[in-house]
C-alpha atoms as a PDB file:
ATOM      1  CA  MET A   1       0.000   0.000   0.000  1.00  0.00           C
ATOM      2  CA  ASP A   2       1.376   3.363  -0.979  1.00  0.00           C
ATOM      3  CA  ALA A   3      -0.022   5.235   2.013  1.00  0.00           C
ATOM      4  CA  THR A   4       0.020   5.025   5.768  1.00  0.00           C
ATOM      5  CA  LEU A   5      -2.680   2.827   7.309  1.00  0.00           C
ATOM      6  CA  TYR A   6      -5.415   5.028   8.810  1.00  0.00           C
ATOM      7  CA  PHE A   7      -9.181   5.129   9.324  1.00  0.00           C
ATOM      8  CA  ALA A   8     -10.069   5.896   5.696  1.00  0.00           C
ATOM      9  CA  ASN A   9      -8.218   2.955   4.144  1.00  0.00           C
ATOM     10  CA  SER A  10      -7.951   0.399   6.958  1.00  0.00           C
ATOM     11  CA  GLN A  11     -11.086  -1.620   6.144  1.00  0.00           C
ATOM     12  CA  HIS A  12     -10.121  -1.801   2.471  1.00  0.00           C
ATOM     13  CA  PHE A  13      -6.638  -2.923   3.515  1.00  0.00           C
ATOM     14  CA  LYS A  14      -8.150  -5.645   5.728  1.00  0.00           C
ATOM     15  CA  GLU A  15     -10.371  -6.854   2.868  1.00  0.00           C
ATOM     16  CA  ILE A  16      -7.390  -7.077   0.512  1.00  0.00           C
ATOM     17  CA  LEU A  17      -5.328  -8.984   3.082  1.00  0.00           C
ATOM     18  CA  ASN A  18      -8.203 -11.412   3.615  1.00  0.00           C
ATOM     19  CA  LYS A  19      -8.249 -12.053  -0.138  1.00  0.00           C
ATOM     20  CA  VAL A  20      -4.482 -12.548  -0.092  1.00  0.00           C
ATOM     21  CA  ALA A  21      -4.818 -15.031   2.778  1.00  0.00           C
ATOM     22  CA  LEU A  22      -7.387 -16.994   0.764  1.00  0.00           C
ATOM     23  CA  GLY A  23      -4.970 -17.191  -2.163  1.00  0.00           C
ATOM     24  CA  SER A  24      -6.927 -14.927  -4.508  1.00  0.00           C
ATOM     25  CA  PHE A  25      -3.771 -13.416  -5.983  1.00  0.00           C
ATOM     26  CA  HIS A  26      -1.649 -16.467  -6.729  1.00  0.00           C
ATOM     27  CA  SER A  27      -1.973 -19.501  -8.965  1.00  0.00           C
ATOM     28  CA  SER A  28      -0.247 -22.105  -6.801  1.00  0.00           C
ATOM     29  CA  LYS A  29      -2.278 -24.826  -5.161  1.00  0.00           C
ATOM     30  CA  GLU A  30      -0.124 -24.357  -2.057  1.00  0.00           C
ATOM     31  CA  SER A  31      -1.777 -22.446   0.735  1.00  0.00           C
ATOM     32  CA  ILE A  32      -0.416 -19.063   1.787  1.00  0.00           C
ATOM     33  CA  LYS A  33       2.006 -19.427   4.687  1.00  0.00           C
ATOM     34  CA  LEU A  34       3.513 -15.954   4.944  1.00  0.00           C
ATOM     35  CA  ILE A  35       2.388 -12.428   4.202  1.00  0.00           C
ATOM     36  CA  ILE A  36       5.113  -9.812   4.137  1.00  0.00           C
ATOM     37  CA  LEU A  37       3.916  -6.243   4.308  1.00  0.00           C
ATOM     38  CA  ASP A  38       6.221  -3.702   2.709  1.00  0.00           C
ATOM     39  CA  VAL A  39       5.509  -0.786   5.031  1.00  0.00           C
ATOM     40  CA  SER A  40       8.100   1.587   3.608  1.00  0.00           C
ATOM     41  CA  MET A  41       5.368   4.169   2.887  1.00  0.00           C
ATOM     42  CA  TRP A  42       3.788   3.976   6.339  1.00  0.00           C
ATOM     43  CA  ILE A  43       4.581   6.746   8.785  1.00  0.00           C
ATOM     44  CA  GLN A  44       2.089   7.095  11.653  1.00  0.00           C
ATOM     45  CA  PRO A  45      -0.923   4.747  11.524  1.00  0.00           C
ATOM     46  CA  ASP A  46      -3.836   6.092  13.546  1.00  0.00           C
ATOM     47  CA  ALA A  47      -5.812   4.224  16.230  1.00  0.00           C
ATOM     48  CA  THR A  48      -8.110   2.600  13.654  1.00  0.00           C
ATOM     49  CA  GLY A  49      -5.111   1.453  11.634  1.00  0.00           C
ATOM     50  CA  ILE A  50      -3.521  -0.100  14.721  1.00  0.00           C
ATOM     51  CA  LEU A  51      -6.795  -1.811  15.659  1.00  0.00           C
ATOM     52  CA  VAL A  52      -7.101  -3.275  12.164  1.00  0.00           C
ATOM     53  CA  LEU A  53      -3.489  -4.482  12.304  1.00  0.00           C
ATOM     54  CA  ARG A  54      -4.253  -6.282  15.572  1.00  0.00           C
ATOM     55  CA  GLU A  55      -7.347  -7.898  14.040  1.00  0.00           C
ATOM     56  CA  ILE A  56      -5.441  -8.941  10.930  1.00  0.00           C
ATOM     57  CA  HIS A  57      -2.612 -10.430  12.992  1.00  0.00           C
ATOM     58  CA  LYS A  58      -5.011 -12.467  15.128  1.00  0.00           C
ATOM     59  CA  ASP A  59      -7.051 -13.636  12.109  1.00  0.00           C
ATOM     60  CA  LEU A  60      -3.949 -14.696  10.193  1.00  0.00           C
ATOM     61  CA  LEU A  61      -2.591 -16.665  13.147  1.00  0.00           C
ATOM     62  CA  GLN A  62      -5.864 -18.587  13.307  1.00  0.00           C
ATOM     63  CA  GLN A  63      -5.317 -19.524   9.646  1.00  0.00           C
ATOM     64  CA  GLU A  64      -1.678 -20.491  10.313  1.00  0.00           C
ATOM     65  CA  ILE A  65      -0.458 -17.618   8.177  1.00  0.00           C
ATOM     66  CA  GLN A  66       2.556 -15.652   9.302  1.00  0.00           C
ATOM     67  CA  LEU A  67       2.681 -11.880   9.187  1.00  0.00           C
ATOM     68  CA  ALA A  68       5.950 -10.028   8.775  1.00  0.00           C
ATOM     69  CA  PHE A  69       6.836  -6.402   8.160  1.00  0.00           C
ATOM     70  CA  ALA A  70       9.584  -5.153   5.863  1.00  0.00           C
ATOM     71  CA  ASN A  71      11.182  -1.737   5.426  1.00  0.00           C
ATOM     72  CA  ALA A  72       9.651  -0.117   8.528  1.00  0.00           C
ATOM     73  CA  LYS A  73      11.033   3.362   9.101  1.00  0.00           C
ATOM     74  CA  GLY A  74      12.006   4.571  12.538  1.00  0.00           C
ATOM     75  CA  SER A  75       8.869   6.656  13.074  1.00  0.00           C
ATOM     76  CA  LEU A  76       6.655   3.659  12.299  1.00  0.00           C
ATOM     77  CA  ARG A  77       8.665   1.339  14.539  1.00  0.00           C
ATOM     78  CA  ASP A  78       8.427   3.913  17.340  1.00  0.00           C
ATOM     79  CA  ARG A  79       4.639   4.221  16.905  1.00  0.00           C
ATOM     80  CA  LEU A  80       4.176   0.424  16.930  1.00  0.00           C
ATOM     81  CA  LEU A  81       6.340   0.188  20.042  1.00  0.00           C
ATOM     82  CA  ASP A  82       4.335   2.928  21.775  1.00  0.00           C
ATOM     83  CA  VAL A  83       1.041   1.081  21.266  1.00  0.00           C
ATOM     84  CA  LYS A  84       2.594  -2.302  22.190  1.00  0.00           C
ATOM     85  CA  PHE A  85       1.848  -3.757  18.737  1.00  0.00           C
ATOM     86  CA  THR A  86       5.491  -4.721  18.288  1.00  0.00           C
ATOM     87  CA  GLU A  87       5.252  -6.793  21.474  1.00  0.00           C
ATOM     88  CA  THR A  88       2.114  -8.496  20.177  1.00  0.00           C
ATOM     89  CA  VAL A  89       3.633  -9.510  16.851  1.00  0.00           C
ATOM     90  CA  GLY A  90       7.186  -9.820  18.113  1.00  0.00           C
ATOM     91  CA  VAL A  91      10.008  -7.442  17.325  1.00  0.00           C
ATOM     92  CA  GLU A  92      11.787 -10.282  15.540  1.00  0.00           C
ATOM     93  CA  TYR A  93       9.177 -10.161  12.750  1.00  0.00           C
ATOM     94  CA  PHE A  94      10.189  -6.724  11.542  1.00  0.00           C
ATOM     95  CA  TYR A  95      12.818  -6.947   8.830  1.00  0.00           C
ATOM     96  CA  GLU A  96      15.213  -4.638   7.034  1.00  0.00           C
ATOM     97  CA  SER A  97      14.017  -5.833   3.631  1.00  0.00           C
ATOM     98  CA  ILE A  98      11.582  -8.185   1.961  1.00  0.00           C
ATOM     99  CA  GLU A  99      14.460 -10.559   1.249  1.00  0.00           C
ATOM    100  CA  SER A 100      15.430 -10.789   4.914  1.00  0.00           C
ATOM    101  CA  ALA A 101      11.763 -11.378   5.817  1.00  0.00           C
ATOM    102  CA  VAL A 102      11.623 -14.326   3.422  1.00  0.00           C
ATOM    103  CA  ASP A 103      14.864 -15.662   4.909  1.00  0.00           C
ATOM    104  CA  GLY A 104      13.330 -15.379   8.382  1.00  0.00           C
ATOM    105  CA  LEU A 105      10.419 -17.644   7.424  1.00  0.00           C
ATOM    106  CA  SER A 106      11.898 -20.790   8.907  1.00  0.00           C
ATOM    107  CA  LYS A 107      12.533 -19.111  12.265  1.00  0.00           C
ATOM    108  CA  ARG A 108       9.014 -17.696  12.406  1.00  0.00           C
ATOM    109  CA  ARG A 109       7.361 -21.020  11.491  1.00  0.00           C
ATOM    110  CA  GLU A 110       8.849 -22.634  14.586  1.00  0.00           C
ATOM    111  CA  ASN A 111       6.968 -20.194  16.841  1.00  0.00           C
ATOM    112  CA  LEU A 112       3.725 -20.103  14.863  1.00  0.00           C
ATOM    113  CA  MET A 113       2.140 -23.145  16.481  1.00  0.00           C
ATOM    114  CA  THR A 114       2.802 -21.718  19.942  1.00  0.00           C
ATOM    115  CA  GLU A 115       1.278 -18.393  18.903  1.00  0.00           C
ATOM    116  CA  LYS A 116      -1.739 -20.085  17.325  1.00  0.00           C
ATOM    117  CA  SER A 117      -2.491 -22.157  20.402  1.00  0.00           C
ATOM    118  CA  LEU A 118      -2.355 -19.039  22.570  1.00  0.00           C
ATOM    119  CA  THR A 119      -4.764 -17.052  20.375  1.00  0.00           C
ATOM    120  CA  LYS A 120      -7.077 -20.037  19.842  1.00  0.00           C
ATOM    121  CA  HIS A 121      -7.837 -20.124  23.536  1.00  0.00           C
ATOM    122  CA  ASP A 122      -8.476 -16.381  23.619  1.00  0.00           C
ATOM    123  CA  ASN A 123      -5.344 -15.907  25.643  1.00  0.00           C
ATOM    124  CA  TYR A 124      -4.023 -13.031  23.579  1.00  0.00           C
ATOM    125  CA  SER A 125      -2.410 -11.386  26.607  1.00  0.00           C
ATOM    126  CA  THR A 126      -0.301 -14.519  27.131  1.00  0.00           C
ATOM    127  CA  LEU A 127       0.753 -14.274  23.484  1.00  0.00           C
ATOM    128  CA  MET A 128       1.764 -10.669  24.057  1.00  0.00           C
ATOM    129  CA  GLN A 129       3.809 -11.714  27.105  1.00  0.00           C
ATOM    130  CA  PHE A 130       5.437 -14.546  25.125  1.00  0.00           C
ATOM    131  CA  ASN A 131       6.402 -12.217  22.265  1.00  0.00           C
ATOM    132  CA  SER A 132       7.485  -9.521  24.699  1.00  0.00           C
ATOM    133  CA  PHE A 133       9.852 -12.000  26.345  1.00  0.00           C
ATOM    134  CA  ILE A 134      11.275 -13.095  22.966  1.00  0.00           C
ATOM    135  CA  SER A 135      11.541  -9.468  21.832  1.00  0.00           C
ATOM    136  CA  ALA A 136      13.374  -8.466  25.005  1.00  0.00           C
ATOM    137  CA  LYS A 137      15.884 -11.256  24.457  1.00  0.00           C
ATOM    138  CA  ILE A 138      16.478 -10.124  20.882  1.00  0.00           C
ATOM    139  CA  ARG A 139      16.759  -6.453  21.899  1.00  0.00           C
ATOM    140  CA  SER A 140      19.378  -7.399  24.471  1.00  0.00           C
ATOM    141  CA  ASN A 141      21.480  -8.870  21.634  1.00  0.00           C
ATOM    142  CA  PHE A 142      21.554  -5.741  19.451  1.00  0.00           C
ATOM    143  CA  GLN A 143      24.903  -5.216  17.799  1.00  0.00           C
ATOM    144  CA  SER A 144      24.176  -1.677  16.640  1.00  0.00           C
ATOM    145  CA  VAL A 145      21.379   0.633  17.615  1.00  0.00           C
ATOM    146  CA  ASP A 146      20.136   4.116  16.958  1.00  0.00           C
ATOM    147  CA  VAL A 147      20.529   6.322  20.002  1.00  0.00           C
ATOM    148  CA  GLU A 148      17.200   8.021  19.196  1.00  0.00           C
ATOM    149  CA  SER A 149      15.327   4.734  19.073  1.00  0.00           C
ATOM    150  CA  PRO A 150      13.577   3.458  22.207  1.00  0.00           C
ATOM    151  CA  MET A 151      14.948   0.030  21.274  1.00  0.00           C
ATOM    152  CA  HIS A 152      18.493   0.448  22.523  1.00  0.00           C
ATOM    153  CA  THR A 153      21.064  -1.069  24.806  1.00  0.00           C
ATOM    154  CA  GLN A 154      24.306   0.215  26.319  1.00  0.00           C
ATOM    155  CA  ASN A 155      25.909   0.465  22.873  1.00  0.00           C
ATOM    156  CA  THR A 156      25.213   4.034  21.750  1.00  0.00           C
ATOM    157  CA  THR A 157      26.913   3.956  18.362  1.00  0.00           C
ATOM    158  CA  PRO A 158      24.624   6.018  16.104  1.00  0.00           C
ATOM    159  CA  THR A 159      23.319   4.248  13.032  1.00  0.00           C
ATOM    160  CA  ASN A 160      20.674   4.881  10.432  1.00  0.00           C
ATOM    161  CA  TYR A 161      17.120   4.099  11.654  1.00  0.00           C
ATOM    162  CA  ASN A 162      16.757   1.582   8.840  1.00  0.00           C
ATOM    163  CA  SER A 163      19.754  -0.406  10.064  1.00  0.00           C
ATOM    164  CA  VAL A 164      18.604  -1.211  13.606  1.00  0.00           C
ATOM    165  CA  TYR A 165      18.412  -4.979  13.384  1.00  0.00           C
ATOM    166  CA  ALA A 166      19.250  -7.764  15.757  1.00  0.00           C
ATOM    167  CA  ASN A 167      22.273  -9.803  14.772  1.00  0.00           C
ATOM    168  CA  GLY A 168      22.130  -8.282  11.281  1.00  0.00           C
ATOM    169  CA  GLU A 169      19.073 -10.377  10.402  1.00  0.00           C
ATOM    170  CA  GLY A 170      16.226  -7.992  11.080  1.00  0.00           C
ATOM    171  CA  ILE A 171      13.833  -7.448  13.901  1.00  0.00           C
END
């Protein structure tokens, strides 16, 4: 999507993602296992946009479809941290590029069944705690961080916002 997610386009965005999840846009007989959102154009999603993202994430987990984010700018990452969405999804599912998100598929698949079982039993807060724990472990292993980012450790070497990734693989 070439615009930030906000109240005016969020329901349309959700409808499109539902079609994607059903396989409407591909010819393979294989089911969709991963949706990577290129969010390079997103800046500050509003409350409706965040709510829709939460709904989409939960719905996709129920369908055993993984959701990942690529190319998130610093302002977007900060906004998603502020509203605890990053903790819900897991900071490790935000990637520097689409390519690194695809490479991260195998790691994410290992945790998907745990996430699905937590949301299936309407225990979404436990899922948030689980992802928060994983995210905290990844944040503690940062090799380089932006000093302006709330995701930082003792290392205060300034870097570009788009290069704040755990172990060089993306967060």
